[in-house]
Amino acid sequence: PAAMTPVPPAKDAAADKMAKVDEAKAAKAKANADK
């Protein structure tokens, strides 16, 4: 169980990172569109 414990946080961290990247891309695209 101890070895399996870090797996979900790693997946969550990767998902959060991907979500932040997508949000940054969306914000940049919106800024370009507004410009």
All heavy atoms as atom14 arrays in JSON, in Angstrom:
{
  "sequence": "PAAMTPVPPAKDAAADKMAKVDEAKAAKAKANADK",
  "atom14_mask": [
    [1, 1, 1, 1, 1, 1, 1, 0, 0, 0, 0, 0, 0, 0],
    [1, 1, 1, 1, 1, 0, 0, 0, 0, 0, 0, 0, 0, 0],
    [1, 1, 1, 1, 1, 0, 0, 0, 0, 0, 0, 0, 0, 0],
    [1, 1, 1, 1, 1, 1, 1, 1, 0, 0, 0, 0, 0, 0],
    [1, 1, 1, 1, 1, 1, 1, 0, 0, 0, 0, 0, 0, 0],
    [1, 1, 1, 1, 1, 1, 1, 0, 0, 0, 0, 0, 0, 0],
    [1, 1, 1, 1, 1, 1, 1, 0, 0, 0, 0, 0, 0, 0],
    [1, 1, 1, 1, 1, 1, 1, 0, 0, 0, 0, 0, 0, 0],
    [1, 1, 1, 1, 1, 1, 1, 0, 0, 0, 0, 0, 0, 0],
    [1, 1, 1, 1, 1, 0, 0, 0, 0, 0, 0, 0, 0, 0],
    [1, 1, 1, 1, 1, 1, 1, 1, 1, 0, 0, 0, 0, 0],
    [1, 1, 1, 1, 1, 1, 1, 1, 0, 0, 0, 0, 0, 0],
    [1, 1, 1, 1, 1, 0, 0, 0, 0, 0, 0, 0, 0, 0],
    [1, 1, 1, 1, 1, 0, 0, 0, 0, 0, 0, 0, 0, 0],
    [1, 1, 1, 1, 1, 0, 0, 0, 0, 0, 0, 0, 0, 0],
    [1, 1, 1, 1, 1, 1, 1, 1, 0, 0, 0, 0, 0, 0],
    [1, 1, 1, 1, 1, 1, 1, 1, 1, 0, 0, 0, 0, 0],
    [1, 1, 1, 1, 1, 1, 1, 1, 0, 0, 0, 0, 0, 0],
    [1, 1, 1, 1, 1, 0, 0, 0, 0, 0, 0, 0, 0, 0],
    [1, 1, 1, 1, 1, 1, 1, 1, 1, 0, 0, 0, 0, 0],
    [1, 1, 1, 1, 1, 1, 1, 0, 0, 0, 0, 0, 0, 0],
    [1, 1, 1, 1, 1, 1, 1, 1, 0, 0, 0, 0, 0, 0],
    [1, 1, 1, 1, 1, 1, 1, 1, 1, 0, 0, 0, 0, 0],
    [1, 1, 1, 1, 1, 0, 0, 0, 0, 0, 0, 0, 0, 0],
    [1, 1, 1, 1, 1, 1, 1, 1, 1, 0, 0, 0, 0, 0],
    [1, 1, 1, 1, 1, 0, 0, 0, 0, 0, 0, 0, 0, 0],
    [1, 1, 1, 1, 1, 0, 0, 0, 0, 0, 0, 0, 0, 0],
    [1, 1, 1, 1, 1, 1, 1, 1, 1, 0, 0, 0, 0, 0],
    [1, 1, 1, 1, 1, 0, 0, 0, 0, 0, 0, 0, 0, 0],
    [1, 1, 1, 1, 1, 1, 1, 1, 1, 0, 0, 0, 0, 0],
    [1, 1, 1, 1, 1, 0, 0, 0, 0, 0, 0, 0, 0, 0],
    [1, 1, 1, 1, 1, 1, 1, 1, 0, 0, 0, 0, 0, 0],
    [1, 1, 1, 1, 1, 0, 0, 0, 0, 0, 0, 0, 0, 0],
    [1, 1, 1, 1, 1, 1, 1, 1, 0, 0, 0, 0, 0, 0],
    [1, 1, 1, 1, 1, 1, 1, 1, 1, 0, 0, 0, 0, 0]
  ],
  "atom14_positions": [
    [[0.81, -1.22, 0.0], [0.0, 0.0, 0.0], [0.84, 1.26, 0.0], [0.51, 2.24, -0.63], [-0.84, -0.12, 1.28], [-0.85, -1.58, 1.59], [0.47, -2.09, 1.13], [0.0, 0.0, 0.0], [0.0, 0.0, 0.0], [0.0, 0.0, 0.0], [0.0, 0.0, 0.0], [0.0, 0.0, 0.0], [0.0, 0.0, 0.0], [0.0, 0.0, 0.0]],
    [[2.01, 1.22, 0.73], [2.85, 2.41, 0.76], [3.4, 2.7, -0.62], [3.53, 3.85, -1.03], [3.99, 2.21, 1.76], [0.0, 0.0, 0.0], [0.0, 0.0, 0.0], [0.0, 0.0, 0.0], [0.0, 0.0, 0.0], [0.0, 0.0, 0.0], [0.0, 0.0, 0.0], [0.0, 0.0, 0.0], [0.0, 0.0, 0.0], [0.0, 0.0, 0.0]],
    [[3.76, 1.62, -1.37], [4.29, 1.84, -2.71], [3.22, 2.36, -3.65], [3.5, 3.11, -4.57], [4.87, 0.54, -3.26], [0.0, 0.0, 0.0], [0.0, 0.0, 0.0], [0.0, 0.0, 0.0], [0.0, 0.0, 0.0], [0.0, 0.0, 0.0], [0.0, 0.0, 0.0], [0.0, 0.0, 0.0], [0.0, 0.0, 0.0], [0.0, 0.0, 0.0]],
    [[1.98, 1.96, -3.41], [0.9, 2.39, -4.29], [0.39, 3.79, -3.96], [-0.24, 4.44, -4.76], [-0.27, 1.4, -4.19], [0.06, 0.01, -4.69], [0.51, 0.0, -6.43], [-1.08, 0.39, -7.14], [0.0, 0.0, 0.0], [0.0, 0.0, 0.0], [0.0, 0.0, 0.0], [0.0, 0.0, 0.0], [0.0, 0.0, 0.0], [0.0, 0.0, 0.0]],
    [[0.68, 4.25, -2.72], [0.14, 5.54, -2.28], [0.58, 6.71, -3.16], [-0.23, 7.55, -3.5], [0.54, 5.79, -0.81], [0.04, 4.71, -0.02], [-0.05, 7.11, -0.32], [0.0, 0.0, 0.0], [0.0, 0.0, 0.0], [0.0, 0.0, 0.0], [0.0, 0.0, 0.0], [0.0, 0.0, 0.0], [0.0, 0.0, 0.0], [0.0, 0.0, 0.0]],
    [[1.88, 6.81, -3.58], [2.28, 7.99, -4.36], [1.67, 8.07, -5.74], [1.72, 9.11, -6.36], [3.81, 7.82, -4.46], [4.18, 6.88, -3.36], [3.0, 5.97, -3.22], [0.0, 0.0, 0.0], [0.0, 0.0, 0.0], [0.0, 0.0, 0.0], [0.0, 0.0, 0.0], [0.0, 0.0, 0.0], [0.0, 0.0, 0.0], [0.0, 0.0, 0.0]],
    [[1.12, 6.94, -6.26], [0.65, 6.95, -7.64], [-0.48, 7.94, -7.89], [-0.4, 8.76, -8.8], [0.22, 5.53, -8.08], [-0.36, 5.54, -9.48], [1.41, 4.6, -7.99], [0.0, 0.0, 0.0], [0.0, 0.0, 0.0], [0.0, 0.0, 0.0], [0.0, 0.0, 0.0], [0.0, 0.0, 0.0], [0.0, 0.0, 0.0], [0.0, 0.0, 0.0]],
    [[-1.59, 7.94, -7.07], [-2.65, 8.91, -7.34], [-2.2, 10.35, -7.27], [-2.55, 11.14, -8.13], [-3.71, 8.58, -6.26], [-3.44, 7.16, -5.9], [-1.95, 6.99, -6.02], [0.0, 0.0, 0.0], [0.0, 0.0, 0.0], [0.0, 0.0, 0.0], [0.0, 0.0, 0.0], [0.0, 0.0, 0.0], [0.0, 0.0, 0.0], [0.0, 0.0, 0.0]],
    [[-1.35, 10.76, -6.24], [-0.9, 12.15, -6.25], [-0.13, 12.5, -7.51], [-0.22, 13.61, -8.01], [-0.02, 12.23, -4.99], [-0.56, 11.17, -4.1], [-0.99, 10.07, -5.0], [0.0, 0.0, 0.0], [0.0, 0.0, 0.0], [0.0, 0.0, 0.0], [0.0, 0.0, 0.0], [0.0, 0.0, 0.0], [0.0, 0.0, 0.0], [0.0, 0.0, 0.0]],
    [[0.69, 11.54, -8.0], [1.44, 11.82, -9.22], [0.51, 12.07, -10.38], [0.7, 12.99, -11.18], [2.38, 10.65, -9.52], [0.0, 0.0, 0.0], [0.0, 0.0, 0.0], [0.0, 0.0, 0.0], [0.0, 0.0, 0.0], [0.0, 0.0, 0.0], [0.0, 0.0, 0.0], [0.0, 0.0, 0.0], [0.0, 0.0, 0.0], [0.0, 0.0, 0.0]],
    [[-0.55, 11.24, -10.48], [-1.52, 11.43, -11.56], [-2.25, 12.75, -11.4], [-2.5, 13.47, -12.36], [-2.5, 10.26, -11.58], [-1.87, 8.94, -12.03], [-2.91, 7.84, -12.09], [-2.3, 6.53, -12.57], [-3.3, 5.44, -12.62], [0.0, 0.0, 0.0], [0.0, 0.0, 0.0], [0.0, 0.0, 0.0], [0.0, 0.0, 0.0], [0.0, 0.0, 0.0]],
    [[-2.61, 13.06, -10.12], [-3.3, 14.33, -9.87], [-2.41, 15.51, -10.22], [-2.87, 16.51, -10.79], [-3.72, 14.4, -8.4], [-4.8, 13.37, -8.07], [-5.43, 12.88, -9.02], [-5.0, 13.07, -6.89], [0.0, 0.0, 0.0], [0.0, 0.0, 0.0], [0.0, 0.0, 0.0], [0.0, 0.0, 0.0], [0.0, 0.0, 0.0], [0.0, 0.0, 0.0]],
    [[-1.12, 15.42, -9.87], [-0.2, 16.5, -10.19], [-0.07, 16.68, -11.69], [-0.05, 17.8, -12.21], [1.17, 16.22, -9.57], [0.0, 0.0, 0.0], [0.0, 0.0, 0.0], [0.0, 0.0, 0.0], [0.0, 0.0, 0.0], [0.0, 0.0, 0.0], [0.0, 0.0, 0.0], [0.0, 0.0, 0.0], [0.0, 0.0, 0.0], [0.0, 0.0, 0.0]],
    [[0.02, 15.54, -12.4], [0.12, 15.63, -13.86], [-1.14, 16.23, -14.45], [-1.09, 17.05, -15.37], [0.37, 14.24, -14.44], [0.0, 0.0, 0.0], [0.0, 0.0, 0.0], [0.0, 0.0, 0.0], [0.0, 0.0, 0.0], [0.0, 0.0, 0.0], [0.0, 0.0, 0.0], [0.0, 0.0, 0.0], [0.0, 0.0, 0.0], [0.0, 0.0, 0.0]],
    [[-2.31, 15.82, -13.9], [-3.58, 16.36, -14.4], [-3.68, 17.86, -14.13], [-4.12, 18.64, -14.97], [-4.75, 15.62, -13.75], [0.0, 0.0, 0.0], [0.0, 0.0, 0.0], [0.0, 0.0, 0.0], [0.0, 0.0, 0.0], [0.0, 0.0, 0.0], [0.0, 0.0, 0.0], [0.0, 0.0, 0.0], [0.0, 0.0, 0.0], [0.0, 0.0, 0.0]],
    [[-3.25, 18.26, -12.91], [-3.27, 19.7, -12.58], [-2.34, 20.48, -13.5], [-2.68, 21.58, -13.94], [-2.85, 19.9, -11.11], [-3.89, 19.35, -10.14], [-5.05, 19.17, -10.58], [-3.55, 19.11, -8.97], [0.0, 0.0, 0.0], [0.0, 0.0, 0.0], [0.0, 0.0, 0.0], [0.0, 0.0, 0.0], [0.0, 0.0, 0.0], [0.0, 0.0, 0.0]],
    [[-1.18, 19.91, -13.77], [-0.23, 20.6, -14.65], [-0.8, 20.75, -16.05], [-0.69, 21.83, -16.66], [1.07, 19.79, -14.7], [2.18, 20.48, -15.5], [3.47, 19.69, -15.42], [4.58, 20.39, -16.21], [5.85, 19.62, -16.16], [0.0, 0.0, 0.0], [0.0, 0.0, 0.0], [0.0, 0.0, 0.0], [0.0, 0.0, 0.0], [0.0, 0.0, 0.0]],
    [[-1.43, 19.68, -16.55], [-2.04, 19.75, -17.88], [-3.19, 20.76, -17.9], [-3.37, 21.5, -18.86], [-2.55, 18.37, -18.29], [-1.44, 17.37, -18.59], [-0.36, 17.89, -19.92], [-1.53, 17.92, -21.29], [0.0, 0.0, 0.0], [0.0, 0.0, 0.0], [0.0, 0.0, 0.0], [0.0, 0.0, 0.0], [0.0, 0.0, 0.0], [0.0, 0.0, 0.0]],
    [[-3.96, 20.8, -16.8], [-5.07, 21.76, -16.73], [-4.55, 23.18, -16.75], [-5.11, 24.06, -17.42], [-5.89, 21.5, -15.46], [0.0, 0.0, 0.0], [0.0, 0.0, 0.0], [0.0, 0.0, 0.0], [0.0, 0.0, 0.0], [0.0, 0.0, 0.0], [0.0, 0.0, 0.0], [0.0, 0.0, 0.0], [0.0, 0.0, 0.0], [0.0, 0.0, 0.0]],
    [[-3.45, 23.43, -16.0], [-2.87, 24.78, -15.98], [-2.33, 25.16, -17.36], [-2.46, 26.3, -17.8], [-1.76, 24.85, -14.93], [-2.28, 24.8, -13.5], [-1.13, 24.86, -12.51], [-1.65, 24.82, -11.08], [-0.56, 24.85, -10.09], [0.0, 0.0, 0.0], [0.0, 0.0, 0.0], [0.0, 0.0, 0.0], [0.0, 0.0, 0.0], [0.0, 0.0, 0.0]],
    [[-1.71, 24.18, -18.03], [-1.19, 24.45, -19.38], [-2.33, 24.79, -20.33], [-2.24, 25.73, -21.13], [-0.39, 23.24, -19.9], [-0.05, 23.4, -21.38], [0.88, 23.06, -19.08], [0.0, 0.0, 0.0], [0.0, 0.0, 0.0], [0.0, 0.0, 0.0], [0.0, 0.0, 0.0], [0.0, 0.0, 0.0], [0.0, 0.0, 0.0], [0.0, 0.0, 0.0]],
    [[-3.43, 24.02, -20.23], [-4.59, 24.29, -21.09], [-5.19, 25.66, -20.78], [-5.59, 26.39, -21.7], [-5.65, 23.19, -20.88], [-5.19, 21.85, -21.4], [-4.28, 21.84, -22.24], [-5.73, 20.82, -20.97], [0.0, 0.0, 0.0], [0.0, 0.0, 0.0], [0.0, 0.0, 0.0], [0.0, 0.0, 0.0], [0.0, 0.0, 0.0], [0.0, 0.0, 0.0]],
    [[-5.27, 26.01, -19.48], [-5.81, 27.32, -19.12], [-4.93, 28.44, -19.66], [-5.43, 29.46, -20.16], [-5.91, 27.42, -17.59], [-7.01, 26.56, -16.99], [-7.01, 26.64, -15.47], [-6.16, 27.37, -14.92], [-7.87, 25.98, -14.85], [0.0, 0.0, 0.0], [0.0, 0.0, 0.0], [0.0, 0.0, 0.0], [0.0, 0.0, 0.0], [0.0, 0.0, 0.0]],
    [[-3.59, 28.26, -19.58], [-2.67, 29.28, -20.1], [-2.83, 29.44, -21.6], [-2.85, 30.55, -22.14], [-1.23, 28.9, -19.74], [0.0, 0.0, 0.0], [0.0, 0.0, 0.0], [0.0, 0.0, 0.0], [0.0, 0.0, 0.0], [0.0, 0.0, 0.0], [0.0, 0.0, 0.0], [0.0, 0.0, 0.0], [0.0, 0.0, 0.0], [0.0, 0.0, 0.0]],
    [[-2.97, 28.3, -22.3], [-3.17, 28.36, -23.75], [-4.47, 29.06, -24.1], [-4.53, 29.87, -25.03], [-3.16, 26.94, -24.33], [-1.78, 26.28, -24.34], [-1.85, 24.91, -24.97], [-0.48, 24.25, -25.01], [-0.55, 22.89, -25.63], [0.0, 0.0, 0.0], [0.0, 0.0, 0.0], [0.0, 0.0, 0.0], [0.0, 0.0, 0.0], [0.0, 0.0, 0.0]],
    [[-5.53, 28.73, -23.35], [-6.83, 29.34, -23.61], [-6.77, 30.86, -23.36], [-7.31, 31.66, -24.13], [-7.9, 28.7, -22.74], [0.0, 0.0, 0.0], [0.0, 0.0, 0.0], [0.0, 0.0, 0.0], [0.0, 0.0, 0.0], [0.0, 0.0, 0.0], [0.0, 0.0, 0.0], [0.0, 0.0, 0.0], [0.0, 0.0, 0.0], [0.0, 0.0, 0.0]],
    [[-6.09, 31.25, -22.26], [-5.98, 32.68, -21.95], [-5.18, 33.41, -23.04], [-5.54, 34.52, -23.46], [-5.31, 32.86, -20.59], [0.0, 0.0, 0.0], [0.0, 0.0, 0.0], [0.0, 0.0, 0.0], [0.0, 0.0, 0.0], [0.0, 0.0, 0.0], [0.0, 0.0, 0.0], [0.0, 0.0, 0.0], [0.0, 0.0, 0.0], [0.0, 0.0, 0.0]],
    [[-4.11, 32.79, -23.5], [-3.3, 33.4, -24.55], [-4.09, 33.52, -25.85], [-4.03, 34.55, -26.54], [-2.04, 32.56, -24.78], [-1.06, 33.18, -25.75], [0.21, 32.35, -25.85], [1.2, 32.99, -26.81], [2.44, 32.18, -26.92], [0.0, 0.0, 0.0], [0.0, 0.0, 0.0], [0.0, 0.0, 0.0], [0.0, 0.0, 0.0], [0.0, 0.0, 0.0]],
    [[-4.84, 32.45, -26.18], [-5.65, 32.49, -27.4], [-6.71, 33.59, -27.32], [-6.97, 34.31, -28.28], [-6.31, 31.13, -27.63], [0.0, 0.0, 0.0], [0.0, 0.0, 0.0], [0.0, 0.0, 0.0], [0.0, 0.0, 0.0], [0.0, 0.0, 0.0], [0.0, 0.0, 0.0], [0.0, 0.0, 0.0], [0.0, 0.0, 0.0], [0.0, 0.0, 0.0]],
    [[-7.34, 33.74, -26.13], [-8.35, 34.78, -25.93], [-7.74, 36.18, -26.07], [-8.32, 37.08, -26.67], [-9.01, 34.62, -24.57], [-10.2, 35.56, -24.35], [-10.85, 35.28, -23.01], [-12.09, 36.15, -22.8], [-11.77, 37.58, -22.85], [0.0, 0.0, 0.0], [0.0, 0.0, 0.0], [0.0, 0.0, 0.0], [0.0, 0.0, 0.0], [0.0, 0.0, 0.0]],
    [[-6.52, 36.33, -25.47], [-5.86, 37.64, -25.56], [-5.54, 37.98, -27.01], [-5.73, 39.12, -27.46], [-4.58, 37.61, -24.72], [0.0, 0.0, 0.0], [0.0, 0.0, 0.0], [0.0, 0.0, 0.0], [0.0, 0.0, 0.0], [0.0, 0.0, 0.0], [0.0, 0.0, 0.0], [0.0, 0.0, 0.0], [0.0, 0.0, 0.0], [0.0, 0.0, 0.0]],
    [[-5.07, 36.99, -27.77], [-4.77, 37.23, -29.19], [-6.04, 37.57, -29.96], [-6.04, 38.46, -30.82], [-4.1, 36.0, -29.79], [-2.7, 35.78, -29.25], [-2.05, 36.74, -28.81], [-2.21, 34.56, -29.27], [0.0, 0.0, 0.0], [0.0, 0.0, 0.0], [0.0, 0.0, 0.0], [0.0, 0.0, 0.0], [0.0, 0.0, 0.0], [0.0, 0.0, 0.0]],
    [[-7.13, 36.85, -29.65], [-8.4, 37.12, -30.34], [-8.9, 38.53, -30.03], [-9.37, 39.25, -30.91], [-9.43, 36.07, -29.94], [0.0, 0.0, 0.0], [0.0, 0.0, 0.0], [0.0, 0.0, 0.0], [0.0, 0.0, 0.0], [0.0, 0.0, 0.0], [0.0, 0.0, 0.0], [0.0, 0.0, 0.0], [0.0, 0.0, 0.0], [0.0, 0.0, 0.0]],
    [[-8.79, 38.92, -28.74], [-9.22, 40.27, -28.35], [-8.37, 41.34, -29.05], [-8.88, 42.38, -29.48], [-9.12, 40.43, -26.83], [-10.13, 39.57, -26.1], [-11.13, 39.15, -26.74], [-9.94, 39.31, -24.9], [0.0, 0.0, 0.0], [0.0, 0.0, 0.0], [0.0, 0.0, 0.0], [0.0, 0.0, 0.0], [0.0, 0.0, 0.0], [0.0, 0.0, 0.0]],
    [[-7.08, 41.07, -29.18], [-6.18, 42.02, -29.83], [-6.53, 42.18, -31.3], [-6.59, 43.29, -31.83], [-4.73, 41.52, -29.68], [-3.69, 42.51, -30.18], [-2.3, 41.97, -29.9], [-1.25, 42.97, -30.41], [0.13, 42.46, -30.14], [0.0, 0.0, 0.0], [0.0, 0.0, 0.0], [0.0, 0.0, 0.0], [0.0, 0.0, 0.0], [0.0, 0.0, 0.0]]
  ]
}
